[in-house]
Amino acid sequence: MSVRTLPLLFLNLGGEMLYVLDQRLRAQNIPGDKARKVLNDIISTMFNRKFMEELFKPQELYSKKALRTVYDRLAHASIMRLNQASMDKLYDLMTMAFKYQVLLCPRPKDVLLVTFNHLDSIKGFILDSPTILQQVDETFRRLMEIYGSLSAGEFQLIRQTLLIFFQDLHIRVSTFLKDKVQNSNGRFVLPVSGPVPWGTEVPGVIRMFNEEGEEVKKTEFKHSGGYVAAYKEGSFELYGDRVLKLGTNMYSVNRPVETHMSATSKNLASRSQENIAPNPLAKEELNFLARLMGGMEIKKTSGPEPGFRLNLFMTDEEEEHAALSRPEELSYDVINIQATQDQQRNEELARIMGEFEITDQPEITEQSTSKGDDLLAMMDKL
């Protein structure tokens, strides 16, 4: 398991979350100023400097529940609210989209290009806020600093860690089904055509070498695939042609996207076991959530601007039906952290709160003070 996987997982899933929210905000005809505020607030929270510092520290991946809790907080970082069924659907779409992208990466290093595609698209959502753009660019530079020098083997370990994380998820997504890239059992169809990984040759030749490394024989064979050579490598610069399309916004063409539980997903013993079995990493996961959320700046909805509810389904009736019909073992109940119940835990969270306290604010106004909760109050409200 790679300890460098979490930032890539979080940023790519976060990018997919923004794609879905942007599509639903447009579909529900949410006024443009409110939609822009929601996206700007979520992106600002997602790329908060202290949050990123905690995220990029080498650490193991934690459970799906722990990560789901972070995304639940992130999705509610502005004036928009989602109920449980819509949040479940949002998380399903996020995870299945990124799982598909990881599976189809031509080479392990390309997961970095997928991440850059997400960051490029996220910057396109940001309007009239150079500060938020700077936050995203700073994260890009941090990615290049950490991942730019990793070997192919280290990227292979990252990709393997991601696939292990996603291996039990087989949720059917209507877009994938219509495009015939997903089977009815929720498993993806791997293509046997298209560009081969950069730096490799099109299949069809077997070369034999002697002990001095000299080629002594070459044999050609026919294959059933429609492979072509990659015409150039994707750019790893701040601005450039990524070449790879994985990670771009598949909702740019407005069409409804539905999710369905496959038969295999309804009988996941591993997911059920995760819900009922004692978790030996529970304390570490709590500390992980405390550190991450200590870096989040969550906006309150109190004030002159009213909040609104976003529905990821076509109608309220569909949303209610989804909430009732979803198998219990597939529900991601958000982890409830009561920071005041345990004195030792309370002291630890208070210490973390002190570390993340922002003291260099240029000017304290009524508006700015309402935007920041102290960490203990934040945890109590989860």
Protein backbone atom coordinates (compact mmCIF):
# COMPACT_ATOMS: atom_id res chain seq x y z
CA MET A 1 0.00 0.00 0.00
CA SER A 2 1.37 3.40 -0.99
CA VAL A 3 1.37 6.22 1.57
CA ARG A 4 1.22 8.74 -1.31
CA THR A 5 -2.22 7.72 -2.58
CA LEU A 6 -4.57 9.83 -0.45
CA PRO A 7 -3.99 13.24 -2.13
CA LEU A 8 -4.64 11.78 -5.59
CA LEU A 9 -7.77 9.97 -4.38
CA PHE A 10 -9.14 13.07 -2.66
CA LEU A 11 -8.45 15.53 -5.50
CA ASN A 12 -9.86 13.30 -8.23
CA LEU A 13 -12.98 12.40 -6.27
CA GLY A 14 -13.39 16.07 -5.41
CA GLY A 15 -13.15 16.96 -9.08
CA GLU A 16 -15.85 14.43 -9.95
CA MET A 17 -18.03 15.82 -7.15
CA LEU A 18 -17.78 19.31 -8.66
CA TYR A 19 -18.67 17.97 -12.12
CA VAL A 20 -21.87 16.38 -10.78
CA LEU A 21 -22.85 19.40 -8.67
CA ASP A 22 -22.30 21.79 -11.58
CA GLN A 23 -24.51 19.62 -13.81
CA ARG A 24 -27.30 19.44 -11.22
CA LEU A 25 -27.13 23.17 -10.44
CA ARG A 26 -27.70 23.85 -14.14
CA ALA A 27 -30.40 21.17 -14.46
CA GLN A 28 -32.36 22.62 -11.53
CA ASN A 29 -32.03 26.16 -12.89
CA ILE A 30 -30.36 27.46 -9.77
CA PRO A 31 -29.65 31.19 -10.25
CA GLY A 32 -26.18 31.85 -11.61
CA ASP A 33 -24.97 33.89 -8.64
CA LYS A 34 -25.95 31.15 -6.17
CA ALA A 35 -24.41 28.40 -8.32
CA ARG A 36 -21.15 30.35 -8.60
CA LYS A 37 -21.09 30.91 -4.85
CA VAL A 38 -21.60 27.20 -4.14
CA LEU A 39 -18.79 26.11 -6.46
CA ASN A 40 -16.41 28.85 -5.30
CA ASP A 41 -17.06 28.06 -1.61
CA ILE A 42 -16.52 24.31 -2.10
CA ILE A 43 -13.35 24.81 -4.16
CA SER A 44 -11.99 27.32 -1.65
CA THR A 45 -12.59 24.86 1.19
CA MET A 46 -11.22 21.92 -0.78
CA PHE A 47 -7.94 23.69 -1.59
CA ASN A 48 -7.48 25.43 1.75
CA ARG A 49 -3.75 25.64 2.44
CA LYS A 50 -3.79 24.04 5.90
CA PHE A 51 -6.16 21.35 4.65
CA MET A 52 -3.77 20.55 1.81
CA GLU A 53 -0.79 20.43 4.19
CA GLU A 54 -2.52 17.72 6.23
CA LEU A 55 -3.71 15.87 3.13
CA PHE A 56 -0.24 15.63 1.57
CA LYS A 57 1.43 14.14 4.63
CA PRO A 58 2.40 10.48 3.92
CA GLN A 59 -0.37 8.30 5.37
CA GLU A 60 -2.30 5.12 4.66
CA LEU A 61 -5.73 5.20 3.05
CA TYR A 62 -8.58 4.95 5.53
CA SER A 63 -12.05 3.46 5.22
CA LYS A 64 -14.69 4.58 2.75
CA LYS A 65 -16.75 5.82 5.68
CA ALA A 66 -14.01 8.14 6.87
CA LEU A 67 -13.52 9.63 3.40
CA ARG A 68 -17.28 9.88 2.90
CA THR A 69 -17.47 12.00 6.06
CA VAL A 70 -14.95 14.45 4.63
CA TYR A 71 -16.89 14.76 1.36
CA ASP A 72 -20.15 15.23 3.24
CA ARG A 73 -18.60 18.20 5.02
CA LEU A 74 -17.13 19.47 1.78
CA ALA A 75 -20.42 19.28 -0.14
CA HIS A 76 -22.08 21.34 2.61
CA ALA A 77 -19.36 23.99 2.74
CA SER A 78 -21.67 26.60 1.22
CA ILE A 79 -25.37 27.51 1.12
CA MET A 80 -26.37 24.27 -0.65
CA ARG A 81 -27.76 21.25 1.19
CA LEU A 82 -28.13 17.60 0.14
CA ASN A 83 -30.19 14.97 1.89
CA GLN A 84 -28.91 11.45 2.55
CA ALA A 85 -30.17 9.87 -0.69
CA SER A 86 -28.71 12.59 -2.89
CA MET A 87 -25.41 12.46 -1.00
CA ASP A 88 -25.31 8.68 -1.48
CA LYS A 89 -25.88 9.08 -5.21
CA LEU A 90 -23.27 11.83 -5.45
CA TYR A 91 -20.66 9.65 -3.74
CA ASP A 92 -21.57 6.67 -5.97
CA LEU A 93 -21.07 8.75 -9.12
CA MET A 94 -17.77 10.15 -7.84
CA THR A 95 -16.29 6.79 -6.93
CA MET A 96 -17.41 4.92 -10.04
CA ALA A 97 -16.15 7.65 -12.38
CA PHE A 98 -12.70 7.72 -10.83
CA LYS A 99 -12.54 3.92 -10.64
CA TYR A 100 -13.19 3.83 -14.40
CA GLN A 101 -10.42 6.39 -14.99
CA VAL A 102 -7.88 4.46 -12.89
CA LEU A 103 -8.73 1.20 -14.68
CA LEU A 104 -8.25 2.76 -18.10
CA CYS A 105 -5.01 4.63 -17.38
CA PRO A 106 -2.61 3.46 -20.14
CA ARG A 107 0.32 3.52 -17.69
CA PRO A 108 0.42 4.03 -13.89
CA LYS A 109 1.98 7.51 -14.14
CA ASP A 110 -1.02 8.69 -16.15
CA VAL A 111 -3.08 8.85 -12.96
CA LEU A 112 -1.21 12.14 -12.46
CA LEU A 113 -2.48 13.39 -15.84
CA VAL A 114 -6.01 12.39 -14.78
CA THR A 115 -5.53 14.51 -11.66
CA PHE A 116 -4.31 17.45 -13.74
CA ASN A 117 -7.37 17.15 -15.99
CA HIS A 118 -9.53 17.48 -12.90
CA LEU A 119 -7.57 20.50 -11.67
CA ASP A 120 -7.76 22.15 -15.11
CA SER A 121 -11.55 21.72 -15.15
CA ILE A 122 -11.89 22.93 -11.56
CA LYS A 123 -10.10 26.15 -12.50
CA GLY A 124 -12.73 26.61 -15.21
CA PHE A 125 -15.45 26.67 -12.52
CA ILE A 126 -13.78 29.53 -10.63
CA LEU A 127 -15.13 32.96 -11.49
CA ASP A 128 -13.92 36.36 -10.24
CA SER A 129 -11.68 34.90 -7.55
CA PRO A 130 -7.93 35.03 -8.26
CA THR A 131 -7.25 33.94 -4.67
CA ILE A 132 -8.99 30.58 -5.21
CA LEU A 133 -7.19 30.15 -8.54
CA GLN A 134 -3.92 30.66 -6.72
CA GLN A 135 -4.90 27.96 -4.21
CA VAL A 136 -5.45 25.45 -7.03
CA ASP A 137 -2.18 26.40 -8.75
CA GLU A 138 -0.34 26.00 -5.45
CA THR A 139 -1.76 22.47 -5.14
CA PHE A 140 -0.63 21.73 -8.70
CA ARG A 141 2.92 22.78 -7.84
CA ARG A 142 2.80 20.67 -4.69
CA LEU A 143 1.74 17.66 -6.77
CA MET A 144 4.63 18.14 -9.17
CA GLU A 145 7.08 18.58 -6.32
CA ILE A 146 6.02 15.32 -4.65
CA TYR A 147 5.01 13.11 -7.58
CA GLY A 148 7.15 14.47 -10.41
CA SER A 149 10.20 12.43 -9.42
CA LEU A 150 8.45 9.15 -8.50
CA SER A 151 9.51 6.02 -10.37
CA ALA A 152 7.23 3.87 -12.54
CA GLY A 153 7.21 1.28 -9.75
CA GLU A 154 6.00 3.82 -7.19
CA PHE A 155 3.20 4.93 -9.51
CA GLN A 156 2.26 1.28 -10.04
CA LEU A 157 1.95 0.88 -6.26
CA ILE A 158 -0.27 3.99 -6.11
CA ARG A 159 -2.49 2.62 -8.88
CA GLN A 160 -2.69 -0.76 -7.17
CA THR A 161 -3.65 0.91 -3.88
CA LEU A 162 -6.44 2.83 -5.64
CA LEU A 163 -7.77 -0.32 -7.31
CA ILE A 164 -7.81 -2.16 -3.97
CA PHE A 165 -9.83 0.73 -2.52
CA PHE A 166 -12.38 0.48 -5.36
CA GLN A 167 -12.43 -3.30 -5.86
CA ASP A 168 -15.80 -3.98 -4.15
CA LEU A 169 -17.69 -1.15 -5.88
CA HIS A 170 -19.83 -2.31 -8.82
CA ILE A 171 -22.55 0.34 -9.02
CA ARG A 172 -24.15 0.74 -12.44
CA VAL A 173 -24.14 4.27 -13.88
CA SER A 174 -26.51 5.06 -16.73
CA THR A 175 -23.93 7.05 -18.71
CA PHE A 176 -21.45 4.16 -18.62
CA LEU A 177 -24.16 1.65 -19.53
CA LYS A 178 -25.34 3.73 -22.51
CA ASP A 179 -21.78 4.17 -23.72
CA LYS A 180 -21.29 0.38 -23.39
CA VAL A 181 -18.25 0.76 -21.16
CA GLN A 182 -19.98 -0.96 -18.23
CA ASN A 183 -21.75 -4.32 -18.08
CA SER A 184 -25.10 -4.94 -16.40
CA ASN A 185 -23.29 -6.45 -13.39
CA GLY A 186 -21.52 -3.15 -12.76
CA ARG A 187 -18.10 -4.21 -14.03
CA PHE A 188 -16.25 -2.10 -16.56
CA VAL A 189 -15.35 -3.15 -20.10
CA LEU A 190 -11.66 -2.69 -20.88
CA PRO A 191 -11.02 -1.56 -24.47
CA VAL A 192 -8.88 -3.54 -26.93
CA SER A 193 -8.18 -0.58 -29.18
CA GLY A 194 -6.79 2.93 -29.05
CA PRO A 195 -3.37 4.40 -28.24
CA VAL A 196 -0.86 2.23 -26.40
CA PRO A 197 1.00 3.74 -23.42
CA TRP A 198 3.55 6.41 -24.26
CA GLY A 199 7.00 4.87 -24.80
CA THR A 200 5.66 1.46 -25.82
CA GLU A 201 5.12 -0.15 -29.22
CA VAL A 202 1.96 -1.42 -30.86
CA PRO A 203 1.59 -5.19 -30.23
CA GLY A 204 2.45 -7.48 -33.13
CA VAL A 205 6.20 -8.14 -32.92
CA ILE A 206 8.20 -10.68 -30.89
CA ARG A 207 11.94 -9.98 -30.65
CA MET A 208 14.53 -12.45 -29.38
CA PHE A 209 17.94 -11.43 -28.06
CA ASN A 210 21.15 -13.27 -27.32
CA GLU A 211 23.12 -13.02 -24.09
CA GLU A 212 24.95 -9.93 -25.37
CA GLY A 213 21.63 -8.12 -25.78
CA GLU A 214 21.71 -8.22 -29.57
CA GLU A 215 18.52 -8.89 -31.50
CA VAL A 216 18.83 -12.20 -33.31
CA LYS A 217 15.29 -12.93 -34.44
CA LYS A 218 12.05 -11.06 -35.03
CA THR A 219 8.62 -12.61 -35.53
CA GLU A 220 5.39 -10.82 -36.33
CA PHE A 221 1.94 -11.97 -35.28
CA LYS A 222 -1.62 -10.76 -35.80
CA HIS A 223 -3.73 -9.50 -32.91
CA SER A 224 -7.42 -8.72 -32.73
CA GLY A 225 -6.96 -5.27 -31.16
CA GLY A 226 -7.09 -1.94 -32.94
CA TYR A 227 -4.08 -0.37 -31.26
CA VAL A 228 -2.18 2.68 -32.48
CA ALA A 229 0.97 4.38 -31.27
CA ALA A 230 0.60 7.35 -28.90
CA TYR A 231 1.41 10.47 -30.92
CA LYS A 232 2.83 12.40 -27.97
CA GLU A 233 3.09 12.36 -24.18
CA GLY A 234 0.66 14.40 -22.11
CA SER A 235 2.04 17.59 -20.57
CA PHE A 236 2.87 17.64 -16.86
CA GLU A 237 3.29 21.43 -16.87
CA LEU A 238 0.91 23.88 -15.21
CA TYR A 239 -0.54 24.75 -18.61
CA GLY A 240 -0.36 22.24 -21.44
CA ASP A 241 -2.06 19.58 -23.52
CA ARG A 242 -2.72 16.57 -21.28
CA VAL A 243 -3.52 14.45 -24.40
CA LEU A 244 -5.31 11.94 -22.13
CA LYS A 245 -9.04 12.66 -21.88
CA LEU A 246 -9.65 10.63 -18.71
CA GLY A 247 -10.62 12.96 -15.88
CA THR A 248 -12.31 15.58 -18.06
CA ASN A 249 -15.93 16.53 -17.43
CA MET A 250 -18.23 13.84 -18.85
CA TYR A 251 -21.28 15.93 -17.83
CA SER A 252 -20.42 18.82 -20.13
CA VAL A 253 -23.12 17.37 -22.41
CA ASN A 254 -26.27 17.74 -20.35
CA ARG A 255 -27.90 14.35 -19.85
CA PRO A 256 -29.44 12.73 -16.77
CA VAL A 257 -27.23 10.27 -14.92
CA GLU A 258 -28.76 7.49 -12.83
CA THR A 259 -27.16 4.91 -10.56
CA HIS A 260 -28.40 1.39 -9.84
CA MET A 261 -27.27 -1.27 -7.42
CA SER A 262 -26.00 -4.36 -9.23
CA ALA A 263 -26.64 -7.82 -7.84
CA THR A 264 -23.03 -8.14 -6.77
CA SER A 265 -23.11 -4.82 -4.96
CA LYS A 266 -26.17 -5.86 -2.99
CA ASN A 267 -24.29 -8.81 -1.54
CA LEU A 268 -20.98 -7.33 -0.53
CA ALA A 269 -19.83 -9.17 2.55
CA SER A 270 -16.79 -6.95 2.86
CA ARG A 271 -18.89 -3.78 3.01
CA SER A 272 -21.25 -5.29 5.55
CA GLN A 273 -18.32 -6.44 7.61
CA GLU A 274 -16.91 -2.93 7.55
CA ASN A 275 -20.14 -1.63 9.08
CA ILE A 276 -20.50 -4.18 11.88
CA ALA A 277 -17.01 -5.38 12.76
CA PRO A 278 -14.81 -3.49 15.24
CA ASN A 279 -12.40 -1.31 13.34
CA PRO A 280 -8.83 -1.51 14.66
CA LEU A 281 -8.06 1.79 12.91
CA ALA A 282 -10.97 3.65 14.52
CA LYS A 283 -8.74 5.89 16.64
CA GLU A 284 -6.44 6.64 13.71
CA GLU A 285 -9.44 7.44 11.52
CA LEU A 286 -10.79 9.81 14.15
CA ASN A 287 -7.44 11.55 14.32
CA PHE A 288 -7.32 11.65 10.52
CA LEU A 289 -10.75 13.30 10.34
CA ALA A 290 -9.88 15.72 13.11
CA ARG A 291 -6.71 16.80 11.33
CA LEU A 292 -8.38 17.18 7.95
CA MET A 293 -11.44 19.00 9.23
CA GLY A 294 -9.29 21.19 11.40
CA GLY A 295 -7.97 22.61 8.15
CA MET A 296 -11.42 23.15 6.62
CA GLU A 297 -12.99 26.57 6.71
CA ILE A 298 -16.71 25.87 6.65
CA LYS A 299 -19.08 28.69 5.71
CA LYS A 300 -22.23 29.15 7.78
CA THR A 301 -25.55 29.62 6.04
CA SER A 302 -26.70 32.19 8.58
CA GLY A 303 -26.99 35.64 7.12
CA PRO A 304 -29.01 37.47 4.48
CA GLU A 305 -28.50 34.81 1.78
CA PRO A 306 -30.84 31.81 2.23
CA GLY A 307 -29.68 28.27 1.56
CA PHE A 308 -31.26 25.85 -0.87
CA ARG A 309 -31.59 22.08 -1.30
CA LEU A 310 -30.11 20.33 -4.33
CA ASN A 311 -31.69 17.12 -5.57
CA LEU A 312 -29.54 14.68 -7.56
CA PHE A 313 -32.65 12.87 -8.76
CA MET A 314 -35.17 13.98 -11.38
CA THR A 315 -38.00 14.31 -8.83
CA ASP A 316 -38.43 14.35 -5.04
CA GLU A 317 -40.37 11.07 -5.33
CA GLU A 318 -37.39 9.36 -6.97
CA GLU A 319 -35.15 10.66 -4.21
CA GLU A 320 -37.46 9.32 -1.49
CA HIS A 321 -37.70 5.94 -3.25
CA ALA A 322 -33.91 5.73 -3.51
CA ALA A 323 -33.53 6.42 0.19
CA LEU A 324 -35.98 3.63 1.08
CA SER A 325 -34.72 1.04 -1.41
CA ARG A 326 -30.98 1.42 -0.90
CA PRO A 327 -29.52 -1.65 0.85
CA GLU A 328 -28.46 -0.85 4.39
CA GLU A 329 -24.98 -2.27 3.87
CA LEU A 330 -24.44 0.23 1.03
CA SER A 331 -25.42 3.29 3.05
CA TYR A 332 -22.55 5.49 4.13
CA ASP A 333 -23.76 6.82 7.44
CA VAL A 334 -21.63 9.82 8.23
CA ILE A 335 -19.33 9.22 11.19
CA ASN A 336 -20.57 11.20 14.16
CA ILE A 337 -17.73 12.62 16.21
CA GLN A 338 -18.76 13.90 19.64
CA ALA A 339 -15.68 15.78 20.70
CA THR A 340 -16.94 16.60 24.19
CA GLN A 341 -17.69 13.03 25.32
CA ASP A 342 -14.15 11.83 25.80
CA GLN A 343 -11.82 14.08 27.83
CA GLN A 344 -8.62 12.72 26.29
CA ARG A 345 -10.04 13.06 22.79
CA ASN A 346 -11.28 16.55 23.65
CA GLU A 347 -7.78 17.59 24.73
CA GLU A 348 -6.31 16.19 21.50
CA LEU A 349 -8.84 18.06 19.37
CA ALA A 350 -8.22 21.23 21.36
CA ARG A 351 -4.49 20.88 20.66
CA ILE A 352 -5.20 20.43 16.95
CA MET A 353 -7.52 23.43 17.03
CA GLY A 354 -4.71 25.50 18.49
CA GLU A 355 -2.35 24.43 15.72
CA PHE A 356 -4.83 25.46 13.03
CA GLU A 357 -5.96 28.72 14.59
CA ILE A 358 -5.55 31.50 12.06
CA THR A 359 -4.05 34.58 13.70
CA ASP A 360 -2.85 36.58 10.71
CA GLN A 361 -6.24 37.81 9.45
CA PRO A 362 -5.79 41.34 8.10
CA GLU A 363 -9.11 42.64 9.35
CA ILE A 364 -11.77 41.14 11.61
CA THR A 365 -15.29 41.86 10.47
CA GLU A 366 -18.67 40.48 11.42
CA GLN A 367 -18.79 38.57 8.16
CA SER A 368 -15.35 36.98 8.52
CA THR A 369 -15.90 35.85 12.11
CA SER A 370 -19.10 34.05 11.12
CA LYS A 371 -17.23 31.95 8.55
CA GLY A 372 -14.95 30.08 10.94
CA ASP A 373 -16.04 27.59 13.58
CA ASP A 374 -13.56 26.45 16.17
CA LEU A 375 -12.67 22.81 15.68
CA LEU A 376 -14.54 21.41 18.68
CA ALA A 377 -17.80 23.07 17.67
CA MET A 378 -17.22 21.88 14.12
CA MET A 379 -16.77 18.28 15.23
CA ASP A 380 -19.81 18.40 17.53
CA LYS A 381 -22.01 19.43 14.61
CA LEU A 382 -20.91 16.62 12.28
